[in-house]
Amino acid sequence: MDEEEAAIIELVDENGKMDEFEHIMTIEHEGAEYVLLSPLKEMEEIKKDEVFIMKLTQKDGDDWLEPLDDEKLMDEVYEIYCDILNNEEEAER
């Protein structure tokens, strides 16, 4: 896949509605992996330019994405994401 090509992830909500998200990046934090997603179109609860964080887990050998309920953990993962973006911007200068 070309680096410029976005990885698209389709998620199904509890009502069976499918939404598409762009995979921004996966971050490892305290032994777990977190996936950062951005919706391809504006949703009721998430704006198009916002980042949505989910925890990557394994169930029956398959990857699953679970929503995060821990506000502190979300802030920690988001801060790592911001640090990565800032470091990339500085490296490009």
PDB file of N, CA and C in Angstrom:
ATOM      1  N   MET A   1       0.849  -1.190   0.000  1.00  0.00           N
ATOM      2  CA  MET A   1       0.000   0.000   0.000  1.00  0.00           C
ATOM      3  C   MET A   1       0.884   1.239   0.000  1.00  0.00           C
ATOM      4  N   ASP A   2       0.563   2.211  -0.793  1.00  0.00           N
ATOM      5  CA  ASP A   2       1.257   3.477  -0.857  1.00  0.00           C
ATOM      6  C   ASP A   2       1.126   4.187   0.481  1.00  0.00           C
ATOM      7  N   GLU A   3       2.197   4.881   0.925  1.00  0.00           N
ATOM      8  CA  GLU A   3       2.157   5.579   2.205  1.00  0.00           C
ATOM      9  C   GLU A   3       1.070   6.642   2.242  1.00  0.00           C
ATOM     10  N   GLU A   4       0.773   7.232   1.101  1.00  0.00           N
ATOM     11  CA  GLU A   4      -0.238   8.279   1.047  1.00  0.00           C
ATOM     12  C   GLU A   4      -1.658   7.708   1.038  1.00  0.00           C
ATOM     13  N   GLU A   5      -1.785   6.428   0.768  1.00  0.00           N
ATOM     14  CA  GLU A   5      -3.096   5.799   0.698  1.00  0.00           C
ATOM     15  C   GLU A   5      -3.612   5.539   2.113  1.00  0.00           C
ATOM     16  N   ALA A   6      -4.825   5.966   2.401  1.00  0.00           N
ATOM     17  CA  ALA A   6      -5.397   5.814   3.735  1.00  0.00           C
ATOM     18  C   ALA A   6      -5.906   4.393   3.941  1.00  0.00           C
ATOM     19  N   ALA A   7      -5.650   3.878   5.138  1.00  0.00           N
ATOM     20  CA  ALA A   7      -6.206   2.579   5.514  1.00  0.00           C
ATOM     21  C   ALA A   7      -7.607   2.835   6.059  1.00  0.00           C
ATOM     22  N   ILE A   8      -8.586   2.162   5.491  1.00  0.00           N
ATOM     23  CA  ILE A   8      -9.979   2.366   5.884  1.00  0.00           C
ATOM     24  C   ILE A   8     -10.428   1.175   6.738  1.00  0.00           C
ATOM     25  N   ILE A   9     -11.054   1.495   7.863  1.00  0.00           N
ATOM     26  CA  ILE A   9     -11.593   0.479   8.765  1.00  0.00           C
ATOM     27  C   ILE A   9     -13.093   0.692   8.855  1.00  0.00           C
ATOM     28  N   GLU A  10     -13.840  -0.380   8.698  1.00  0.00           N
ATOM     29  CA  GLU A  10     -15.301  -0.313   8.820  1.00  0.00           C
ATOM     30  C   GLU A  10     -15.696  -0.874  10.184  1.00  0.00           C
ATOM     31  N   LEU A  11     -16.469  -0.103  10.923  1.00  0.00           N
ATOM     32  CA  LEU A  11     -16.954  -0.527  12.232  1.00  0.00           C
ATOM     33  C   LEU A  11     -18.470  -0.568  12.218  1.00  0.00           C
ATOM     34  N   VAL A  12     -19.021  -1.561  12.887  1.00  0.00           N
ATOM     35  CA  VAL A  12     -20.469  -1.705  12.989  1.00  0.00           C
ATOM     36  C   VAL A  12     -20.875  -1.356  14.414  1.00  0.00           C
ATOM     37  N   ASP A  13     -21.837  -0.438  14.560  1.00  0.00           N
ATOM     38  CA  ASP A  13     -22.269  -0.055  15.911  1.00  0.00           C
ATOM     39  C   ASP A  13     -23.311  -1.035  16.452  1.00  0.00           C
ATOM     40  N   GLU A  14     -23.773  -0.772  17.665  1.00  0.00           N
ATOM     41  CA  GLU A  14     -24.710  -1.688  18.324  1.00  0.00           C
ATOM     42  C   GLU A  14     -26.057  -1.791  17.606  1.00  0.00           C
ATOM     43  N   ASN A  15     -26.351  -0.847  16.700  1.00  0.00           N
ATOM     44  CA  ASN A  15     -27.596  -0.876  15.935  1.00  0.00           C
ATOM     45  C   ASN A  15     -27.416  -1.510  14.559  1.00  0.00           C
ATOM     46  N   GLY A  16     -26.196  -2.007  14.283  1.00  0.00           N
ATOM     47  CA  GLY A  16     -25.932  -2.643  13.000  1.00  0.00           C
ATOM     48  C   GLY A  16     -25.552  -1.673  11.888  1.00  0.00           C
ATOM     49  N   LYS A  17     -25.388  -0.387  12.219  1.00  0.00           N
ATOM     50  CA  LYS A  17     -25.019   0.623  11.227  1.00  0.00           C
ATOM     51  C   LYS A  17     -23.507   0.610  11.039  1.00  0.00           C
ATOM     52  N   MET A  18     -23.070   0.580   9.772  1.00  0.00           N
ATOM     53  CA  MET A  18     -21.644   0.553   9.468  1.00  0.00           C
ATOM     54  C   MET A  18     -21.139   1.961   9.175  1.00  0.00           C
ATOM     55  N   ASP A  19     -19.998   2.306   9.776  1.00  0.00           N
ATOM     56  CA  ASP A  19     -19.345   3.585   9.524  1.00  0.00           C
ATOM     57  C   ASP A  19     -17.904   3.311   9.128  1.00  0.00           C
ATOM     58  N   GLU A  20     -17.349   4.176   8.282  1.00  0.00           N
ATOM     59  CA  GLU A  20     -15.982   4.027   7.826  1.00  0.00           C
ATOM     60  C   GLU A  20     -15.090   5.055   8.505  1.00  0.00           C
ATOM     61  N   PHE A  21     -13.901   4.590   8.887  1.00  0.00           N
ATOM     62  CA  PHE A  21     -12.928   5.425   9.563  1.00  0.00           C
ATOM     63  C   PHE A  21     -11.577   5.287   8.880  1.00  0.00           C
ATOM     64  N   GLU A  22     -10.801   6.366   8.912  1.00  0.00           N
ATOM     65  CA  GLU A  22      -9.419   6.302   8.459  1.00  0.00           C
ATOM     66  C   GLU A  22      -8.555   5.910   9.652  1.00  0.00           C
ATOM     67  N   HIS A  23      -7.689   4.927   9.454  1.00  0.00           N
ATOM     68  CA  HIS A  23      -6.748   4.524  10.499  1.00  0.00           C
ATOM     69  C   HIS A  23      -5.620   5.545  10.510  1.00  0.00           C
ATOM     70  N   ILE A  24      -5.494   6.295  11.587  1.00  0.00           N
ATOM     71  CA  ILE A  24      -4.475   7.325  11.702  1.00  0.00           C
ATOM     72  C   ILE A  24      -3.146   6.698  12.130  1.00  0.00           C
ATOM     73  N   MET A  25      -3.185   5.953  13.227  1.00  0.00           N
ATOM     74  CA  MET A  25      -2.007   5.235  13.699  1.00  0.00           C
ATOM     75  C   MET A  25      -2.391   4.321  14.853  1.00  0.00           C
ATOM     76  N   THR A  26      -1.472   3.406  15.173  1.00  0.00           N
ATOM     77  CA  THR A  26      -1.625   2.533  16.327  1.00  0.00           C
ATOM     78  C   THR A  26      -0.500   2.879  17.292  1.00  0.00           C
ATOM     79  N   ILE A  27      -0.848   3.049  18.556  1.00  0.00           N
ATOM     80  CA  ILE A  27       0.112   3.448  19.589  1.00  0.00           C
ATOM     81  C   ILE A  27       0.142   2.387  20.675  1.00  0.00           C
ATOM     82  N   GLU A  28       1.349   2.019  21.076  1.00  0.00           N
ATOM     83  CA  GLU A  28       1.492   1.105  22.203  1.00  0.00           C
ATOM     84  C   GLU A  28       1.701   1.942  23.461  1.00  0.00           C
ATOM     85  N   HIS A  29       0.960   1.574  24.518  1.00  0.00           N
ATOM     86  CA  HIS A  29       1.054   2.304  25.781  1.00  0.00           C
ATOM     87  C   HIS A  29       0.773   1.328  26.918  1.00  0.00           C
ATOM     88  N   GLU A  30       1.745   1.217  27.826  1.00  0.00           N
ATOM     89  CA  GLU A  30       1.618   0.361  29.008  1.00  0.00           C
ATOM     90  C   GLU A  30       1.197  -1.067  28.646  1.00  0.00           C
ATOM     91  N   GLY A  31       1.827  -1.618  27.614  1.00  0.00           N
ATOM     92  CA  GLY A  31       1.603  -3.008  27.240  1.00  0.00           C
ATOM     93  C   GLY A  31       0.355  -3.289  26.423  1.00  0.00           C
ATOM     94  N   ALA A  32      -0.398  -2.255  26.063  1.00  0.00           N
ATOM     95  CA  ALA A  32      -1.606  -2.429  25.245  1.00  0.00           C
ATOM     96  C   ALA A  32      -1.465  -1.580  23.985  1.00  0.00           C
ATOM     97  N   GLU A  33      -2.256  -1.923  22.964  1.00  0.00           N
ATOM     98  CA  GLU A  33      -2.248  -1.159  21.724  1.00  0.00           C
ATOM     99  C   GLU A  33      -3.568  -0.402  21.572  1.00  0.00           C
ATOM    100  N   TYR A  34      -3.440   0.826  21.112  1.00  0.00           N
ATOM    101  CA  TYR A  34      -4.593   1.694  20.914  1.00  0.00           C
ATOM    102  C   TYR A  34      -4.600   2.184  19.472  1.00  0.00           C
ATOM    103  N   VAL A  35      -5.763   2.128  18.848  1.00  0.00           N
ATOM    104  CA  VAL A  35      -5.918   2.511  17.454  1.00  0.00           C
ATOM    105  C   VAL A  35      -6.603   3.876  17.405  1.00  0.00           C
ATOM    106  N   LEU A  36      -5.977   4.794  16.671  1.00  0.00           N
ATOM    107  CA  LEU A  36      -6.547   6.124  16.502  1.00  0.00           C
ATOM    108  C   LEU A  36      -7.218   6.189  15.143  1.00  0.00           C
ATOM    109  N   LEU A  37      -8.484   6.566  15.138  1.00  0.00           N
ATOM    110  CA  LEU A  37      -9.301   6.595  13.933  1.00  0.00           C
ATOM    111  C   LEU A  37      -9.912   7.975  13.747  1.00  0.00           C
ATOM    112  N   SER A  38     -10.216   8.290  12.503  1.00  0.00           N
ATOM    113  CA  SER A  38     -10.924   9.526  12.186  1.00  0.00           C
ATOM    114  C   SER A  38     -12.058   9.159  11.232  1.00  0.00           C
ATOM    115  N   PRO A  39     -13.293   9.605  11.531  1.00  0.00           N
ATOM    116  CA  PRO A  39     -14.410   9.244  10.642  1.00  0.00           C
ATOM    117  C   PRO A  39     -14.244   9.868   9.264  1.00  0.00           C
ATOM    118  N   LEU A  40     -14.645   9.120   8.236  1.00  0.00           N
ATOM    119  CA  LEU A  40     -14.565   9.642   6.869  1.00  0.00           C
ATOM    120  C   LEU A  40     -15.665  10.655   6.590  1.00  0.00           C
ATOM    121  N   LYS A  41     -16.758  10.562   7.341  1.00  0.00           N
ATOM    122  CA  LYS A  41     -17.815  11.569   7.223  1.00  0.00           C
ATOM    123  C   LYS A  41     -18.247  11.943   8.638  1.00  0.00           C
ATOM    124  N   GLU A  42     -18.805  13.139   8.761  1.00  0.00           N
ATOM    125  CA  GLU A  42     -19.205  13.611  10.076  1.00  0.00           C
ATOM    126  C   GLU A  42     -20.300  12.721  10.651  1.00  0.00           C
ATOM    127  N   MET A  43     -20.143  12.412  11.928  1.00  0.00           N
ATOM    128  CA  MET A  43     -21.112  11.577  12.621  1.00  0.00           C
ATOM    129  C   MET A  43     -21.741  12.407  13.735  1.00  0.00           C
ATOM    130  N   GLU A  44     -22.834  11.904  14.288  1.00  0.00           N
ATOM    131  CA  GLU A  44     -23.526  12.633  15.339  1.00  0.00           C
ATOM    132  C   GLU A  44     -22.622  12.871  16.543  1.00  0.00           C
ATOM    133  N   GLU A  45     -21.872  11.835  16.965  1.00  0.00           N
ATOM    134  CA  GLU A  45     -21.063  11.944  18.170  1.00  0.00           C
ATOM    135  C   GLU A  45     -19.590  12.264  17.928  1.00  0.00           C
ATOM    136  N   ILE A  46     -19.135  12.177  16.676  1.00  0.00           N
ATOM    137  CA  ILE A  46     -17.725  12.439  16.358  1.00  0.00           C
ATOM    138  C   ILE A  46     -17.665  13.305  15.104  1.00  0.00           C
ATOM    139  N   LYS A  47     -16.967  14.429  15.191  1.00  0.00           N
ATOM    140  CA  LYS A  47     -16.816  15.294  14.026  1.00  0.00           C
ATOM    141  C   LYS A  47     -15.751  14.725  13.091  1.00  0.00           C
ATOM    142  N   LYS A  48     -15.817  15.096  11.821  1.00  0.00           N
ATOM    143  CA  LYS A  48     -14.948  14.538  10.789  1.00  0.00           C
ATOM    144  C   LYS A  48     -13.465  14.732  11.086  1.00  0.00           C
ATOM    145  N   ASP A  49     -13.072  15.826  11.720  1.00  0.00           N
ATOM    146  CA  ASP A  49     -11.659  16.095  11.967  1.00  0.00           C
ATOM    147  C   ASP A  49     -11.192  15.646  13.350  1.00  0.00           C
ATOM    148  N   GLU A  50     -12.030  14.971  14.107  1.00  0.00           N
ATOM    149  CA  GLU A  50     -11.661  14.495  15.435  1.00  0.00           C
ATOM    150  C   GLU A  50     -11.016  13.115  15.363  1.00  0.00           C
ATOM    151  N   VAL A  51     -10.242  12.799  16.399  1.00  0.00           N
ATOM    152  CA  VAL A  51      -9.597  11.499  16.507  1.00  0.00           C
ATOM    153  C   VAL A  51     -10.359  10.680  17.542  1.00  0.00           C
ATOM    154  N   PHE A  52     -10.624   9.439  17.200  1.00  0.00           N
ATOM    155  CA  PHE A  52     -11.382   8.507  18.024  1.00  0.00           C
ATOM    156  C   PHE A  52     -10.407   7.406  18.438  1.00  0.00           C
ATOM    157  N   ILE A  53     -10.294   7.108  19.728  1.00  0.00           N
ATOM    158  CA  ILE A  53      -9.329   6.133  20.222  1.00  0.00           C
ATOM    159  C   ILE A  53     -10.045   4.874  20.695  1.00  0.00           C
ATOM    160  N   MET A  54      -9.552   3.716  20.217  1.00  0.00           N
ATOM    161  CA  MET A  54     -10.111   2.432  20.638  1.00  0.00           C
ATOM    162  C   MET A  54      -8.966   1.505  21.038  1.00  0.00           C
ATOM    163  N   LYS A  55      -9.248   0.578  21.937  1.00  0.00           N
ATOM    164  CA  LYS A  55      -8.243  -0.384  22.378  1.00  0.00           C
ATOM    165  C   LYS A  55      -8.301  -1.618  21.487  1.00  0.00           C
ATOM    166  N   LEU A  56      -7.128  -2.072  21.035  1.00  0.00           N
ATOM    167  CA  LEU A  56      -7.027  -3.269  20.211  1.00  0.00           C
ATOM    168  C   LEU A  56      -6.912  -4.479  21.135  1.00  0.00           C
ATOM    169  N   THR A  57      -7.834  -5.425  20.998  1.00  0.00           N
ATOM    170  CA  THR A  57      -7.833  -6.634  21.818  1.00  0.00           C
ATOM    171  C   THR A  57      -7.929  -7.856  20.914  1.00  0.00           C
ATOM    172  N   GLN A  58      -7.743  -9.016  21.497  1.00  0.00           N
ATOM    173  CA  GLN A  58      -7.857 -10.289  20.776  1.00  0.00           C
ATOM    174  C   GLN A  58      -9.027 -11.077  21.362  1.00  0.00           C
ATOM    175  N   LYS A  59      -9.882 -11.588  20.502  1.00  0.00           N
ATOM    176  CA  LYS A  59     -10.979 -12.469  20.908  1.00  0.00           C
ATOM    177  C   LYS A  59     -11.020 -13.615  19.912  1.00  0.00           C
ATOM    178  N   ASP A  60     -10.864 -14.825  20.412  1.00  0.00           N
ATOM    179  CA  ASP A  60     -10.885 -16.019  19.570  1.00  0.00           C
ATOM    180  C   ASP A  60      -9.907 -15.909  18.399  1.00  0.00           C
ATOM    181  N   GLY A  61      -8.738 -15.297  18.649  1.00  0.00           N
ATOM    182  CA  GLY A  61      -7.713 -15.183  17.622  1.00  0.00           C
ATOM    183  C   GLY A  61      -7.924 -14.057  16.629  1.00  0.00           C
ATOM    184  N   ASP A  62      -8.992 -13.285  16.781  1.00  0.00           N
ATOM    185  CA  ASP A  62      -9.282 -12.165  15.877  1.00  0.00           C
ATOM    186  C   ASP A  62      -9.034 -10.835  16.588  1.00  0.00           C
ATOM    187  N   ASP A  63      -8.661  -9.814  15.817  1.00  0.00           N
ATOM    188  CA  ASP A  63      -8.509  -8.467  16.363  1.00  0.00           C
ATOM    189  C   ASP A  63      -9.877  -7.836  16.565  1.00  0.00           C
ATOM    190  N   TRP A  64     -10.050  -7.196  17.706  1.00  0.00           N
ATOM    191  CA  TRP A  64     -11.285  -6.473  18.036  1.00  0.00           C
ATOM    192  C   TRP A  64     -10.912  -5.090  18.518  1.00  0.00           C
ATOM    193  N   LEU A  65     -11.749  -4.122  18.215  1.00  0.00           N
ATOM    194  CA  LEU A  65     -11.572  -2.766  18.715  1.00  0.00           C
ATOM    195  C   LEU A  65     -12.656  -2.491  19.740  1.00  0.00           C
ATOM    196  N   GLU A  66     -12.212  -2.082  20.940  1.00  0.00           N
ATOM    197  CA  GLU A  66     -13.154  -1.790  22.016  1.00  0.00           C
ATOM    198  C   GLU A  66     -13.069  -0.316  22.383  1.00  0.00           C
ATOM    199  N   PRO A  67     -14.201   0.323  22.627  1.00  0.00           N
ATOM    200  CA  PRO A  67     -14.181   1.731  23.026  1.00  0.00           C
ATOM    201  C   PRO A  67     -13.516   1.895  24.392  1.00  0.00           C
ATOM    202  N   LEU A  68     -12.891   3.045  24.596  1.00  0.00           N
ATOM    203  CA  LEU A  68     -12.279   3.361  25.885  1.00  0.00           C
ATOM    204  C   LEU A  68     -13.263   4.145  26.738  1.00  0.00           C
ATOM    205  N   ASP A  69     -13.390   3.739  27.989  1.00  0.00           N
ATOM    206  CA  ASP A  69     -14.239   4.466  28.932  1.00  0.00           C
ATOM    207  C   ASP A  69     -13.415   5.283  29.915  1.00  0.00           C
ATOM    208  N   ASP A  70     -12.116   4.998  29.979  1.00  0.00           N
ATOM    209  CA  ASP A  70     -11.217   5.632  30.932  1.00  0.00           C
ATOM    210  C   ASP A  70     -10.695   6.952  30.367  1.00  0.00           C
ATOM    211  N   GLU A  71     -11.202   8.056  30.883  1.00  0.00           N
ATOM    212  CA  GLU A  71     -10.849   9.396  30.391  1.00  0.00           C
ATOM    213  C   GLU A  71      -9.353   9.669  30.564  1.00  0.00           C
ATOM    214  N   LYS A  72      -8.780   9.255  31.676  1.00  0.00           N
ATOM    215  CA  LYS A  72      -7.351   9.468  31.934  1.00  0.00           C
ATOM    216  C   LYS A  72      -6.506   8.720  30.906  1.00  0.00           C
ATOM    217  N   LEU A  73      -6.868   7.487  30.622  1.00  0.00           N
ATOM    218  CA  LEU A  73      -6.153   6.678  29.640  1.00  0.00           C
ATOM    219  C   LEU A  73      -6.273   7.286  28.247  1.00  0.00           C
ATOM    220  N   MET A  74      -7.461   7.769  27.894  1.00  0.00           N
ATOM    221  CA  MET A  74      -7.646   8.433  26.599  1.00  0.00           C
ATOM    222  C   MET A  74      -6.736   9.651  26.485  1.00  0.00           C
ATOM    223  N   ASP A  75      -6.658  10.438  27.569  1.00  0.00           N
ATOM    224  CA  ASP A  75      -5.797  11.619  27.563  1.00  0.00           C
ATOM    225  C   ASP A  75      -4.330  11.235  27.394  1.00  0.00           C
ATOM    226  N   GLU A  76      -3.900  10.157  28.059  1.00  0.00           N
ATOM    227  CA  GLU A  76      -2.505   9.705  27.951  1.00  0.00           C
ATOM    228  C   GLU A  76      -2.170   9.286  26.518  1.00  0.00           C
ATOM    229  N   VAL A  77      -3.047   8.505  25.906  1.00  0.00           N
ATOM    230  CA  VAL A  77      -2.819   8.039  24.533  1.00  0.00           C
ATOM    231  C   VAL A  77      -2.852   9.229  23.573  1.00  0.00           C
ATOM    232  N   TYR A  78      -3.786  10.149  23.775  1.00  0.00           N
ATOM    233  CA  TYR A  78      -3.871  11.319  22.903  1.00  0.00           C
ATOM    234  C   TYR A  78      -2.622  12.188  23.043  1.00  0.00           C
ATOM    235  N   GLU A  79      -2.089  12.299  24.246  1.00  0.00           N
ATOM    236  CA  GLU A  79      -0.867  13.085  24.461  1.00  0.00           C
ATOM    237  C   GLU A  79       0.318  12.452  23.715  1.00  0.00           C
ATOM    238  N   ILE A  80       0.414  11.129  23.722  1.00  0.00           N
ATOM    239  CA  ILE A  80       1.461  10.434  22.965  1.00  0.00           C
ATOM    240  C   ILE A  80       1.306  10.749  21.472  1.00  0.00           C
ATOM    241  N   TYR A  81       0.075  10.692  20.990  1.00  0.00           N
ATOM    242  CA  TYR A  81      -0.220  11.015  19.586  1.00  0.00           C
ATOM    243  C   TYR A  81       0.239  12.439  19.254  1.00  0.00           C
ATOM    244  N   CYS A  82      -0.083  13.391  20.103  1.00  0.00           N
ATOM    245  CA  CYS A  82       0.313  14.788  19.870  1.00  0.00           C
ATOM    246  C   CYS A  82       1.830  14.934  19.872  1.00  0.00           C
ATOM    247  N   ASP A  83       2.510  14.228  20.787  1.00  0.00           N
ATOM    248  CA  ASP A  83       3.975  14.260  20.831  1.00  0.00           C
ATOM    249  C   ASP A  83       4.564  13.725  19.528  1.00  0.00           C
ATOM    250  N   ILE A  84       4.007  12.634  19.014  1.00  0.00           N
ATOM    251  CA  ILE A  84       4.478  12.057  17.752  1.00  0.00           C
ATOM    252  C   ILE A  84       4.300  13.066  16.620  1.00  0.00           C
ATOM    253  N   LEU A  85       3.126  13.707  16.558  1.00  0.00           N
ATOM    254  CA  LEU A  85       2.881  14.704  15.507  1.00  0.00           C
ATOM    255  C   LEU A  85       3.853  15.871  15.617  1.00  0.00           C
ATOM    256  N   ASN A  86       4.078  16.350  16.838  1.00  0.00           N
ATOM    257  CA  ASN A  86       5.003  17.468  17.045  1.00  0.00           C
ATOM    258  C   ASN A  86       6.423  17.090  16.631  1.00  0.00           C
ATOM    259  N   ASN A  87       6.856  15.873  16.973  1.00  0.00           N
ATOM    260  CA  ASN A  87       8.195  15.416  16.594  1.00  0.00           C
ATOM    261  C   ASN A  87       8.329  15.302  15.086  1.00  0.00           C
ATOM    262  N   GLU A  88       7.269  14.827  14.410  1.00  0.00           N
ATOM    263  CA  GLU A  88       7.294  14.724  12.946  1.00  0.00           C
ATOM    264  C   GLU A  88       7.381  16.110  12.307  1.00  0.00           C
ATOM    265  N   GLU A  89       6.635  17.071  12.858  1.00  0.00           N
ATOM    266  CA  GLU A  89       6.669  18.435  12.325  1.00  0.00           C
ATOM    267  C   GLU A  89       8.053  19.051  12.500  1.00  0.00           C
ATOM    268  N   GLU A  90       8.659  18.829  13.667  1.00  0.00           N
ATOM    269  CA  GLU A  90       9.999  19.363  13.910  1.00  0.00           C
ATOM    270  C   GLU A  90      11.017  18.727  12.980  1.00  0.00           C
ATOM    271  N   ALA A  91      10.886  17.440  12.712  1.00  0.00           N
ATOM    272  CA  ALA A  91      11.825  16.731  11.835  1.00  0.00           C
ATOM    273  C   ALA A  91      11.720  17.239  10.398  1.00  0.00           C
ATOM    274  N   GLU A  92      10.525  17.688   9.995  1.00  0.00           N
ATOM    275  CA  GLU A  92      10.325  18.181   8.629  1.00  0.00           C
ATOM    276  C   GLU A  92      10.908  19.570   8.429  1.00  0.00           C
ATOM    277  N   ARG A  93      11.179  20.284   9.521  1.00  0.00           N
ATOM    278  CA  ARG A  93      11.709  21.666   9.404  1.00  0.00           C
ATOM    279  C   ARG A  93      13.159  21.678   9.058  1.00  0.00           C
TER     280      ARG A  93
END
